[in-house]
Amino acid sequence: MKVDATPDVKQYLNELITILYENGYFSYEEDAKQYVDDLLIDIETNLPSKRHKPAPPYFDRYGTGMYYASFKKNKKTTWFAFFTKYLVNGETIYLVRYINNNHIIAQYL
């Protein structure tokens, strides 16, 4: 079993470090980087075992037949990873196609 992400998701996570730091969510850029790294590790490690639901039609713009799982990072913020599952040579591949948090996308879930 393998968890991977599209180039768009990888780019977003890299940009998220700057967004979190520049908007004052973290006082130090290193702390913002650690937060994003921890989120990524959580997704890579736990996505296959997380309960997941079919993604609502709103998210079809990122891919069809997707599922999503939630990752709670603190009292106020939950991240949602939207993904598709593939079987390649007997191995299950989880491809994360979109990621965002409850502050942005809660109304669509």
PDB file of N, CA and C in Angstrom:
ATOM      1  N   MET A   1       0.853  -1.162   0.000  1.00  0.00           N
ATOM      2  CA  MET A   1       0.000   0.000   0.000  1.00  0.00           C
ATOM      3  C   MET A   1       0.904   1.233   0.000  1.00  0.00           C
ATOM      4  N   LYS A   2       0.477   2.235  -0.797  1.00  0.00           N
ATOM      5  CA  LYS A   2       1.283   3.438  -0.975  1.00  0.00           C
ATOM      6  C   LYS A   2       0.369   4.656  -1.009  1.00  0.00           C
ATOM      7  N   VAL A   3       0.811   5.743  -0.386  1.00  0.00           N
ATOM      8  CA  VAL A   3       0.082   7.002  -0.426  1.00  0.00           C
ATOM      9  C   VAL A   3       0.942   8.008  -1.170  1.00  0.00           C
ATOM     10  N   ASP A   4       0.356   8.661  -2.161  1.00  0.00           N
ATOM     11  CA  ASP A   4       1.059   9.668  -2.951  1.00  0.00           C
ATOM     12  C   ASP A   4       0.122  10.851  -3.149  1.00  0.00           C
ATOM     13  N   ALA A   5       0.634  11.924  -3.697  1.00  0.00           N
ATOM     14  CA  ALA A   5      -0.170  13.127  -3.941  1.00  0.00           C
ATOM     15  C   ALA A   5       0.134  13.656  -5.331  1.00  0.00           C
ATOM     16  N   THR A   6      -0.841  14.344  -5.900  1.00  0.00           N
ATOM     17  CA  THR A   6      -0.641  14.967  -7.206  1.00  0.00           C
ATOM     18  C   THR A   6       0.344  16.122  -7.060  1.00  0.00           C
ATOM     19  N   PRO A   7       0.957  16.543  -8.158  1.00  0.00           N
ATOM     20  CA  PRO A   7       1.850  17.711  -8.096  1.00  0.00           C
ATOM     21  C   PRO A   7       1.156  18.958  -7.552  1.00  0.00           C
ATOM     22  N   ASP A   8      -0.125  19.147  -7.868  1.00  0.00           N
ATOM     23  CA  ASP A   8      -0.860  20.309  -7.352  1.00  0.00           C
ATOM     24  C   ASP A   8      -0.958  20.277  -5.825  1.00  0.00           C
ATOM     25  N   VAL A   9      -1.207  19.120  -5.263  1.00  0.00           N
ATOM     26  CA  VAL A   9      -1.296  18.992  -3.811  1.00  0.00           C
ATOM     27  C   VAL A   9       0.073  19.251  -3.183  1.00  0.00           C
ATOM     28  N   LYS A  10       1.118  18.709  -3.769  1.00  0.00           N
ATOM     29  CA  LYS A  10       2.469  18.926  -3.237  1.00  0.00           C
ATOM     30  C   LYS A  10       2.834  20.411  -3.284  1.00  0.00           C
ATOM     31  N   GLN A  11       2.469  21.078  -4.361  1.00  0.00           N
ATOM     32  CA  GLN A  11       2.736  22.509  -4.477  1.00  0.00           C
ATOM     33  C   GLN A  11       1.945  23.291  -3.426  1.00  0.00           C
ATOM     34  N   TYR A  12       0.680  22.944  -3.242  1.00  0.00           N
ATOM     35  CA  TYR A  12      -0.144  23.618  -2.246  1.00  0.00           C
ATOM     36  C   TYR A  12       0.458  23.473  -0.849  1.00  0.00           C
ATOM     37  N   LEU A  13       0.912  22.285  -0.503  1.00  0.00           N
ATOM     38  CA  LEU A  13       1.489  22.073   0.821  1.00  0.00           C
ATOM     39  C   LEU A  13       2.763  22.890   1.006  1.00  0.00           C
ATOM     40  N   ASN A  14       3.554  23.022  -0.045  1.00  0.00           N
ATOM     41  CA  ASN A  14       4.749  23.877   0.034  1.00  0.00           C
ATOM     42  C   ASN A  14       4.358  25.337   0.229  1.00  0.00           C
ATOM     43  N   GLU A  15       3.347  25.782  -0.491  1.00  0.00           N
ATOM     44  CA  GLU A  15       2.875  27.163  -0.356  1.00  0.00           C
ATOM     45  C   GLU A  15       2.204  27.395   0.988  1.00  0.00           C
ATOM     46  N   LEU A  16       1.606  26.355   1.560  1.00  0.00           N
ATOM     47  CA  LEU A  16       0.911  26.472   2.836  1.00  0.00           C
ATOM     48  C   LEU A  16       1.856  26.921   3.945  1.00  0.00           C
ATOM     49  N   ILE A  17       3.082  26.500   3.894  1.00  0.00           N
ATOM     50  CA  ILE A  17       4.072  26.918   4.895  1.00  0.00           C
ATOM     51  C   ILE A  17       4.173  28.439   4.923  1.00  0.00           C
ATOM     52  N   THR A  18       4.319  29.039   3.760  1.00  0.00           N
ATOM     53  CA  THR A  18       4.424  30.493   3.653  1.00  0.00           C
ATOM     54  C   THR A  18       3.129  31.171   4.076  1.00  0.00           C
ATOM     55  N   ILE A  19       2.007  30.622   3.650  1.00  0.00           N
ATOM     56  CA  ILE A  19       0.698  31.196   3.999  1.00  0.00           C
ATOM     57  C   ILE A  19       0.518  31.221   5.514  1.00  0.00           C
ATOM     58  N   LEU A  20       0.801  30.110   6.172  1.00  0.00           N
ATOM     59  CA  LEU A  20       0.624  30.026   7.619  1.00  0.00           C
ATOM     60  C   LEU A  20       1.548  31.001   8.354  1.00  0.00           C
ATOM     61  N   TYR A  21       2.766  31.113   7.886  1.00  0.00           N
ATOM     62  CA  TYR A  21       3.736  32.013   8.521  1.00  0.00           C
ATOM     63  C   TYR A  21       3.386  33.480   8.267  1.00  0.00           C
ATOM     64  N   GLU A  22       3.139  33.830   7.012  1.00  0.00           N
ATOM     65  CA  GLU A  22       2.884  35.233   6.665  1.00  0.00           C
ATOM     66  C   GLU A  22       1.563  35.752   7.222  1.00  0.00           C
ATOM     67  N   ASN A  23       0.595  34.877   7.443  1.00  0.00           N
ATOM     68  CA  ASN A  23      -0.689  35.301   8.006  1.00  0.00           C
ATOM     69  C   ASN A  23      -0.712  35.233   9.534  1.00  0.00           C
ATOM     70  N   GLY A  24       0.429  34.951  10.131  1.00  0.00           N
ATOM     71  CA  GLY A  24       0.552  35.006  11.580  1.00  0.00           C
ATOM     72  C   GLY A  24       0.034  33.810  12.352  1.00  0.00           C
ATOM     73  N   TYR A  25      -0.236  32.700  11.666  1.00  0.00           N
ATOM     74  CA  TYR A  25      -0.669  31.504  12.384  1.00  0.00           C
ATOM     75  C   TYR A  25       0.485  30.886  13.164  1.00  0.00           C
ATOM     76  N   PHE A  26       1.700  31.137  12.692  1.00  0.00           N
ATOM     77  CA  PHE A  26       2.910  30.687  13.372  1.00  0.00           C
ATOM     78  C   PHE A  26       3.899  31.846  13.419  1.00  0.00           C
ATOM     79  N   SER A  27       4.603  31.976  14.533  1.00  0.00           N
ATOM     80  CA  SER A  27       5.567  33.067  14.700  1.00  0.00           C
ATOM     81  C   SER A  27       6.864  32.798  13.954  1.00  0.00           C
ATOM     82  N   TYR A  28       7.152  31.525  13.729  1.00  0.00           N
ATOM     83  CA  TYR A  28       8.396  31.150  13.056  1.00  0.00           C
ATOM     84  C   TYR A  28       8.078  30.275  11.861  1.00  0.00           C
ATOM     85  N   GLU A  29       8.781  30.529  10.784  1.00  0.00           N
ATOM     86  CA  GLU A  29       8.566  29.749   9.563  1.00  0.00           C
ATOM     87  C   GLU A  29       8.860  28.271   9.802  1.00  0.00           C
ATOM     88  N   GLU A  30       9.830  27.979  10.665  1.00  0.00           N
ATOM     89  CA  GLU A  30      10.175  26.591  10.970  1.00  0.00           C
ATOM     90  C   GLU A  30       8.990  25.856  11.626  1.00  0.00           C
ATOM     91  N   ASP A  31       8.234  26.583  12.453  1.00  0.00           N
ATOM     92  CA  ASP A  31       7.059  25.977  13.087  1.00  0.00           C
ATOM     93  C   ASP A  31       5.965  25.683  12.060  1.00  0.00           C
ATOM     94  N   ALA A  32       5.788  26.580  11.098  1.00  0.00           N
ATOM     95  CA  ALA A  32       4.816  26.350  10.027  1.00  0.00           C
ATOM     96  C   ALA A  32       5.234  25.144   9.193  1.00  0.00           C
ATOM     97  N   LYS A  33       6.525  25.042   8.920  1.00  0.00           N
ATOM     98  CA  LYS A  33       7.031  23.896   8.150  1.00  0.00           C
ATOM     99  C   LYS A  33       6.795  22.596   8.920  1.00  0.00           C
ATOM    100  N   GLN A  34       7.031  22.615  10.221  1.00  0.00           N
ATOM    101  CA  GLN A  34       6.826  21.418  11.039  1.00  0.00           C
ATOM    102  C   GLN A  34       5.349  21.012  11.048  1.00  0.00           C
ATOM    103  N   TYR A  35       4.457  21.989  11.125  1.00  0.00           N
ATOM    104  CA  TYR A  35       3.014  21.723  11.103  1.00  0.00           C
ATOM    105  C   TYR A  35       2.624  21.023   9.798  1.00  0.00           C
ATOM    106  N   VAL A  36       3.097  21.553   8.681  1.00  0.00           N
ATOM    107  CA  VAL A  36       2.772  20.964   7.378  1.00  0.00           C
ATOM    108  C   VAL A  36       3.419  19.591   7.244  1.00  0.00           C
ATOM    109  N   ASP A  37       4.665  19.455   7.701  1.00  0.00           N
ATOM    110  CA  ASP A  37       5.327  18.143   7.663  1.00  0.00           C
ATOM    111  C   ASP A  37       4.553  17.112   8.490  1.00  0.00           C
ATOM    112  N   ASP A  38       4.096  17.519   9.679  1.00  0.00           N
ATOM    113  CA  ASP A  38       3.324  16.606  10.534  1.00  0.00           C
ATOM    114  C   ASP A  38       2.004  16.212   9.867  1.00  0.00           C
ATOM    115  N   LEU A  39       1.356  17.173   9.211  1.00  0.00           N
ATOM    116  CA  LEU A  39       0.111  16.875   8.493  1.00  0.00           C
ATOM    117  C   LEU A  39       0.376  15.859   7.393  1.00  0.00           C
ATOM    118  N   LEU A  40       1.428  16.072   6.632  1.00  0.00           N
ATOM    119  CA  LEU A  40       1.769  15.165   5.536  1.00  0.00           C
ATOM    120  C   LEU A  40       2.099  13.769   6.056  1.00  0.00           C
ATOM    121  N   ILE A  41       2.849  13.695   7.129  1.00  0.00           N
ATOM    122  CA  ILE A  41       3.187  12.394   7.719  1.00  0.00           C
ATOM    123  C   ILE A  41       1.924  11.696   8.215  1.00  0.00           C
ATOM    124  N   ASP A  42       1.028  12.454   8.839  1.00  0.00           N
ATOM    125  CA  ASP A  42      -0.235  11.885   9.315  1.00  0.00           C
ATOM    126  C   ASP A  42      -1.028  11.298   8.150  1.00  0.00           C
ATOM    127  N   ILE A  43      -1.101  12.030   7.057  1.00  0.00           N
ATOM    128  CA  ILE A  43      -1.834  11.541   5.879  1.00  0.00           C
ATOM    129  C   ILE A  43      -1.163  10.305   5.305  1.00  0.00           C
ATOM    130  N   GLU A  44       0.148  10.372   5.113  1.00  0.00           N
ATOM    131  CA  GLU A  44       0.869   9.230   4.517  1.00  0.00           C
ATOM    132  C   GLU A  44       0.773   7.979   5.391  1.00  0.00           C
ATOM    133  N   THR A  45       0.793   8.168   6.692  1.00  0.00           N
ATOM    134  CA  THR A  45       0.793   7.037   7.614  1.00  0.00           C
ATOM    135  C   THR A  45      -0.603   6.471   7.853  1.00  0.00           C
ATOM    136  N   ASN A  46      -1.581   7.351   7.988  1.00  0.00           N
ATOM    137  CA  ASN A  46      -2.893   6.918   8.473  1.00  0.00           C
ATOM    138  C   ASN A  46      -4.020   6.886   7.451  1.00  0.00           C
ATOM    139  N   LEU A  47      -3.817   7.461   6.270  1.00  0.00           N
ATOM    140  CA  LEU A  47      -4.909   7.493   5.291  1.00  0.00           C
ATOM    141  C   LEU A  47      -5.493   6.111   4.996  1.00  0.00           C
ATOM    142  N   PRO A  48      -4.670   5.097   4.756  1.00  0.00           N
ATOM    143  CA  PRO A  48      -5.257   3.790   4.436  1.00  0.00           C
ATOM    144  C   PRO A  48      -6.155   3.210   5.534  1.00  0.00           C
ATOM    145  N   SER A  49      -5.912   3.574   6.779  1.00  0.00           N
ATOM    146  CA  SER A  49      -6.707   3.002   7.869  1.00  0.00           C
ATOM    147  C   SER A  49      -7.823   3.937   8.352  1.00  0.00           C
ATOM    148  N   LYS A  50      -7.887   5.136   7.814  1.00  0.00           N
ATOM    149  CA  LYS A  50      -8.920   6.095   8.228  1.00  0.00           C
ATOM    150  C   LYS A  50     -10.272   5.723   7.636  1.00  0.00           C
ATOM    151  N   ARG A  51     -11.325   6.016   8.412  1.00  0.00           N
ATOM    152  CA  ARG A  51     -12.671   5.905   7.842  1.00  0.00           C
ATOM    153  C   ARG A  51     -12.790   6.957   6.766  1.00  0.00           C
ATOM    154  N   HIS A  52     -13.361   6.575   5.651  1.00  0.00           N
ATOM    155  CA  HIS A  52     -13.517   7.553   4.578  1.00  0.00           C
ATOM    156  C   HIS A  52     -14.924   7.480   4.000  1.00  0.00           C
ATOM    157  N   LYS A  53     -15.310   8.603   3.411  1.00  0.00           N
ATOM    158  CA  LYS A  53     -16.643   8.730   2.831  1.00  0.00           C
ATOM    159  C   LYS A  53     -16.509   9.137   1.373  1.00  0.00           C
ATOM    160  N   PRO A  54     -17.522   8.855   0.567  1.00  0.00           N
ATOM    161  CA  PRO A  54     -17.495   9.348  -0.812  1.00  0.00           C
ATOM    162  C   PRO A  54     -17.502  10.884  -0.823  1.00  0.00           C
ATOM    163  N   ALA A  55     -16.696  11.457  -1.688  1.00  0.00           N
ATOM    164  CA  ALA A  55     -16.625  12.915  -1.787  1.00  0.00           C
ATOM    165  C   ALA A  55     -17.900  13.453  -2.436  1.00  0.00           C
ATOM    166  N   PRO A  56     -18.425  14.555  -1.916  1.00  0.00           N
ATOM    167  CA  PRO A  56     -19.601  15.177  -2.536  1.00  0.00           C
ATOM    168  C   PRO A  56     -19.295  15.633  -3.963  1.00  0.00           C
ATOM    169  N   PRO A  57     -20.327  15.759  -4.797  1.00  0.00           N
ATOM    170  CA  PRO A  57     -20.135  16.154  -6.204  1.00  0.00           C
ATOM    171  C   PRO A  57     -19.354  17.460  -6.388  1.00  0.00           C
ATOM    172  N   TYR A  58     -19.417  18.372  -5.414  1.00  0.00           N
ATOM    173  CA  TYR A  58     -18.680  19.632  -5.512  1.00  0.00           C
ATOM    174  C   TYR A  58     -17.200  19.396  -5.800  1.00  0.00           C
ATOM    175  N   PHE A  59     -16.643  18.309  -5.292  1.00  0.00           N
ATOM    176  CA  PHE A  59     -15.212  18.042  -5.413  1.00  0.00           C
ATOM    177  C   PHE A  59     -14.844  17.266  -6.668  1.00  0.00           C
ATOM    178  N   ASP A  60     -15.818  16.988  -7.528  1.00  0.00           N
ATOM    179  CA  ASP A  60     -15.530  16.290  -8.789  1.00  0.00           C
ATOM    180  C   ASP A  60     -14.567  17.076  -9.672  1.00  0.00           C
ATOM    181  N   ARG A  61     -14.430  18.359  -9.418  1.00  0.00           N
ATOM    182  CA  ARG A  61     -13.479  19.170 -10.203  1.00  0.00           C
ATOM    183  C   ARG A  61     -12.043  18.703 -10.007  1.00  0.00           C
ATOM    184  N   TYR A  62     -11.795  17.954  -8.936  1.00  0.00           N
ATOM    185  CA  TYR A  62     -10.447  17.452  -8.658  1.00  0.00           C
ATOM    186  C   TYR A  62     -10.281  15.989  -9.064  1.00  0.00           C
ATOM    187  N   GLY A  63     -11.363  15.356  -9.459  1.00  0.00           N
ATOM    188  CA  GLY A  63     -11.327  13.964  -9.870  1.00  0.00           C
ATOM    189  C   GLY A  63     -12.647  13.301  -9.523  1.00  0.00           C
ATOM    190  N   THR A  64     -13.029  12.313 -10.287  1.00  0.00           N
ATOM    191  CA  THR A  64     -14.289  11.620 -10.032  1.00  0.00           C
ATOM    192  C   THR A  64     -14.039  10.352  -9.225  1.00  0.00           C
ATOM    193  N   GLY A  65     -15.088   9.916  -8.549  1.00  0.00           N
ATOM    194  CA  GLY A  65     -14.985   8.682  -7.771  1.00  0.00           C
ATOM    195  C   GLY A  65     -14.072   8.803  -6.566  1.00  0.00           C
ATOM    196  N   MET A  66     -13.979  10.005  -6.020  1.00  0.00           N
ATOM    197  CA  MET A  66     -13.077  10.221  -4.891  1.00  0.00           C
ATOM    198  C   MET A  66     -13.751   9.928  -3.557  1.00  0.00           C
ATOM    199  N   TYR A  67     -12.895   9.770  -2.574  1.00  0.00           N
ATOM    200  CA  TYR A  67     -13.280   9.640  -1.179  1.00  0.00           C
ATOM    201  C   TYR A  67     -12.571  10.750  -0.409  1.00  0.00           C
ATOM    202  N   TYR A  68     -12.997  10.947   0.840  1.00  0.00           N
ATOM    203  CA  TYR A  68     -12.249  11.868   1.691  1.00  0.00           C
ATOM    204  C   TYR A  68     -12.158  11.332   3.106  1.00  0.00           C
ATOM    205  N   ALA A  69     -11.099  11.748   3.779  1.00  0.00           N
ATOM    206  CA  ALA A  69     -10.867  11.388   5.177  1.00  0.00           C
ATOM    207  C   ALA A  69     -10.442  12.647   5.915  1.00  0.00           C
ATOM    208  N   SER A  70     -10.715  12.681   7.206  1.00  0.00           N
ATOM    209  CA  SER A  70     -10.396  13.873   7.998  1.00  0.00           C
ATOM    210  C   SER A  70      -9.197  13.634   8.909  1.00  0.00           C
ATOM    211  N   PHE A  71      -8.469  14.736   9.156  1.00  0.00           N
ATOM    212  CA  PHE A  71      -7.282  14.714  10.003  1.00  0.00           C
ATOM    213  C   PHE A  71      -7.345  15.927  10.922  1.00  0.00           C
ATOM    214  N   LYS A  72      -7.683  15.695  12.170  1.00  0.00           N
ATOM    215  CA  LYS A  72      -7.836  16.788  13.139  1.00  0.00           C
ATOM    216  C   LYS A  72      -6.460  17.180  13.661  1.00  0.00           C
ATOM    217  N   LYS A  73      -6.121  18.458  13.503  1.00  0.00           N
ATOM    218  CA  LYS A  73      -4.796  18.923  13.927  1.00  0.00           C
ATOM    219  C   LYS A  73      -4.839  19.715  15.223  1.00  0.00           C
ATOM    220  N   ASN A  74      -5.964  20.331  15.539  1.00  0.00           N
ATOM    221  CA  ASN A  74      -6.118  21.024  16.818  1.00  0.00           C
ATOM    222  C   ASN A  74      -7.612  21.217  17.069  1.00  0.00           C
ATOM    223  N   LYS A  75      -7.952  21.961  18.109  1.00  0.00           N
ATOM    224  CA  LYS A  75      -9.360  22.110  18.481  1.00  0.00           C
ATOM    225  C   LYS A  75     -10.186  22.774  17.392  1.00  0.00           C
ATOM    226  N   LYS A  76      -9.578  23.620  16.591  1.00  0.00           N
ATOM    227  CA  LYS A  76     -10.334  24.400  15.614  1.00  0.00           C
ATOM    228  C   LYS A  76     -10.160  23.953  14.169  1.00  0.00           C
ATOM    229  N   THR A  77      -9.131  23.197  13.883  1.00  0.00           N
ATOM    230  CA  THR A  77      -8.822  22.901  12.484  1.00  0.00           C
ATOM    231  C   THR A  77      -8.782  21.406  12.197  1.00  0.00           C
ATOM    232  N   THR A  78      -9.576  21.019  11.221  1.00  0.00           N
ATOM    233  CA  THR A  78      -9.553  19.663  10.686  1.00  0.00           C
ATOM    234  C   THR A  78      -9.230  19.761   9.201  1.00  0.00           C
ATOM    235  N   TRP A  79      -8.285  18.968   8.770  1.00  0.00           N
ATOM    236  CA  TRP A  79      -7.906  18.914   7.359  1.00  0.00           C
ATOM    237  C   TRP A  79      -8.616  17.735   6.708  1.00  0.00           C
ATOM    238  N   PHE A  80      -8.967  17.903   5.443  1.00  0.00           N
ATOM    239  CA  PHE A  80      -9.628  16.854   4.677  1.00  0.00           C
ATOM    240  C   PHE A  80      -8.778  16.517   3.461  1.00  0.00           C
ATOM    241  N   ALA A  81      -8.459  15.248   3.309  1.00  0.00           N
ATOM    242  CA  ALA A  81      -7.710  14.764   2.155  1.00  0.00           C
ATOM    243  C   ALA A  81      -8.680  14.033   1.238  1.00  0.00           C
ATOM    244  N   PHE A  82      -8.736  14.459  -0.003  1.00  0.00           N
ATOM    245  CA  PHE A  82      -9.607  13.858  -1.014  1.00  0.00           C
ATOM    246  C   PHE A  82      -8.727  12.998  -1.920  1.00  0.00           C
ATOM    247  N   PHE A  83      -9.142  11.766  -2.139  1.00  0.00           N
ATOM    248  CA  PHE A  83      -8.259  10.828  -2.819  1.00  0.00           C
ATOM    249  C   PHE A  83      -9.032   9.809  -3.643  1.00  0.00           C
ATOM    250  N   THR A  84      -8.302   9.183  -4.531  1.00  0.00           N
ATOM    251  CA  THR A  84      -8.813   8.034  -5.270  1.00  0.00           C
ATOM    252  C   THR A  84      -7.936   6.837  -4.913  1.00  0.00           C
ATOM    253  N   LYS A  85      -8.525   5.664  -5.008  1.00  0.00           N
ATOM    254  CA  LYS A  85      -7.795   4.428  -4.743  1.00  0.00           C
ATOM    255  C   LYS A  85      -7.637   3.665  -6.053  1.00  0.00           C
ATOM    256  N   TYR A  86      -6.441   3.152  -6.257  1.00  0.00           N
ATOM    257  CA  TYR A  86      -6.138   2.351  -7.438  1.00  0.00           C
ATOM    258  C   TYR A  86      -5.486   1.061  -6.995  1.00  0.00           C
ATOM    259  N   LEU A  87      -5.684   0.033  -7.788  1.00  0.00           N
ATOM    260  CA  LEU A  87      -4.984  -1.223  -7.572  1.00  0.00           C
ATOM    261  C   LEU A  87      -4.013  -1.399  -8.732  1.00  0.00           C
ATOM    262  N   VAL A  88      -2.717  -1.393  -8.425  1.00  0.00           N
ATOM    263  CA  VAL A  88      -1.680  -1.515  -9.447  1.00  0.00           C
ATOM    264  C   VAL A  88      -0.785  -2.693  -9.073  1.00  0.00           C
ATOM    265  N   ASN A  89      -0.775  -3.710  -9.924  1.00  0.00           N
ATOM    266  CA  ASN A  89       0.030  -4.909  -9.687  1.00  0.00           C
ATOM    267  C   ASN A  89      -0.190  -5.471  -8.280  1.00  0.00           C
ATOM    268  N   GLY A  90      -1.439  -5.479  -7.852  1.00  0.00           N
ATOM    269  CA  GLY A  90      -1.782  -6.034  -6.553  1.00  0.00           C
ATOM    270  C   GLY A  90      -1.545  -5.092  -5.378  1.00  0.00           C
ATOM    271  N   GLU A  91      -1.024  -3.903  -5.632  1.00  0.00           N
ATOM    272  CA  GLU A  91      -0.779  -2.930  -4.559  1.00  0.00           C
ATOM    273  C   GLU A  91      -1.822  -1.823  -4.618  1.00  0.00           C
ATOM    274  N   THR A  92      -2.367  -1.458  -3.463  1.00  0.00           N
ATOM    275  CA  THR A  92      -3.341  -0.372  -3.395  1.00  0.00           C
ATOM    276  C   THR A  92      -2.591   0.952  -3.317  1.00  0.00           C
ATOM    277  N   ILE A  93      -2.934   1.851  -4.225  1.00  0.00           N
ATOM    278  CA  ILE A  93      -2.342   3.182  -4.274  1.00  0.00           C
ATOM    279  C   ILE A  93      -3.421   4.187  -3.891  1.00  0.00           C
ATOM    280  N   TYR A  94      -3.123   5.040  -2.927  1.00  0.00           N
ATOM    281  CA  TYR A  94      -4.002   6.134  -2.527  1.00  0.00           C
ATOM    282  C   TYR A  94      -3.403   7.411  -3.102  1.00  0.00           C
ATOM    283  N   LEU A  95      -4.115   8.042  -4.027  1.00  0.00           N
ATOM    284  CA  LEU A  95      -3.613   9.261  -4.655  1.00  0.00           C
ATOM    285  C   LEU A  95      -4.415  10.450  -4.134  1.00  0.00           C
ATOM    286  N   VAL A  96      -3.773  11.291  -3.340  1.00  0.00           N
ATOM    287  CA  VAL A  96      -4.415  12.476  -2.789  1.00  0.00           C
ATOM    288  C   VAL A  96      -4.473  13.524  -3.901  1.00  0.00           C
ATOM    289  N   ARG A  97      -5.699  13.968  -4.210  1.00  0.00           N
ATOM    290  CA  ARG A  97      -5.933  14.888  -5.316  1.00  0.00           C
ATOM    291  C   ARG A  97      -6.251  16.311  -4.863  1.00  0.00           C
ATOM    292  N   TYR A  98      -6.651  16.444  -3.595  1.00  0.00           N
ATOM    293  CA  TYR A  98      -7.016  17.768  -3.072  1.00  0.00           C
ATOM    294  C   TYR A  98      -6.954  17.707  -1.559  1.00  0.00           C
ATOM    295  N   ILE A  99      -6.553  18.811  -0.962  1.00  0.00           N
ATOM    296  CA  ILE A  99      -6.514  18.897   0.495  1.00  0.00           C
ATOM    297  C   ILE A  99      -6.881  20.316   0.899  1.00  0.00           C
ATOM    298  N   ASN A 100      -7.686  20.426   1.939  1.00  0.00           N
ATOM    299  CA  ASN A 100      -8.017  21.737   2.490  1.00  0.00           C
ATOM    300  C   ASN A 100      -8.617  21.538   3.869  1.00  0.00           C
ATOM    301  N   ASN A 101      -8.937  22.642   4.554  1.00  0.00           N
ATOM    302  CA  ASN A 101      -9.402  22.519   5.929  1.00  0.00           C
ATOM    303  C   ASN A 101     -10.849  22.964   6.095  1.00  0.00           C
ATOM    304  N   ASN A 102     -11.366  22.719   7.290  1.00  0.00           N
ATOM    305  CA  ASN A 102     -12.771  23.007   7.582  1.00  0.00           C
ATOM    306  C   ASN A 102     -13.098  24.495   7.469  1.00  0.00           C
ATOM    307  N   HIS A 103     -12.127  25.367   7.646  1.00  0.00           N
ATOM    308  CA  HIS A 103     -12.381  26.808   7.552  1.00  0.00           C
ATOM    309  C   HIS A 103     -12.737  27.228   6.120  1.00  0.00           C
ATOM    310  N   ILE A 104     -12.307  26.451   5.162  1.00  0.00           N
ATOM    311  CA  ILE A 104     -12.505  26.785   3.745  1.00  0.00           C
ATOM    312  C   ILE A 104     -13.622  25.966   3.115  1.00  0.00           C
ATOM    313  N   ILE A 105     -13.710  24.681   3.420  1.00  0.00           N
ATOM    314  CA  ILE A 105     -14.607  23.815   2.649  1.00  0.00           C
ATOM    315  C   ILE A 105     -15.729  23.163   3.446  1.00  0.00           C
ATOM    316  N   ALA A 106     -15.894  23.496   4.702  1.00  0.00           N
ATOM    317  CA  ALA A 106     -16.907  22.827   5.532  1.00  0.00           C
ATOM    318  C   ALA A 106     -18.301  22.898   4.925  1.00  0.00           C
ATOM    319  N   GLN A 107     -18.631  24.015   4.293  1.00  0.00           N
ATOM    320  CA  GLN A 107     -19.986  24.172   3.749  1.00  0.00           C
ATOM    321  C   GLN A 107     -20.256  23.217   2.581  1.00  0.00           C
ATOM    322  N   TYR A 108     -19.228  22.605   2.007  1.00  0.00           N
ATOM    323  CA  TYR A 108     -19.420  21.709   0.859  1.00  0.00           C
ATOM    324  C   TYR A 108     -19.482  20.239   1.265  1.00  0.00           C
ATOM    325  N   LEU A 109     -19.247  19.967   2.545  1.00  0.00           N
ATOM    326  CA  LEU A 109     -19.215  18.559   2.995  1.00  0.00           C
ATOM    327  C   LEU A 109     -20.559  18.104   3.535  1.00  0.00           C
TER     328      LEU A 109
END
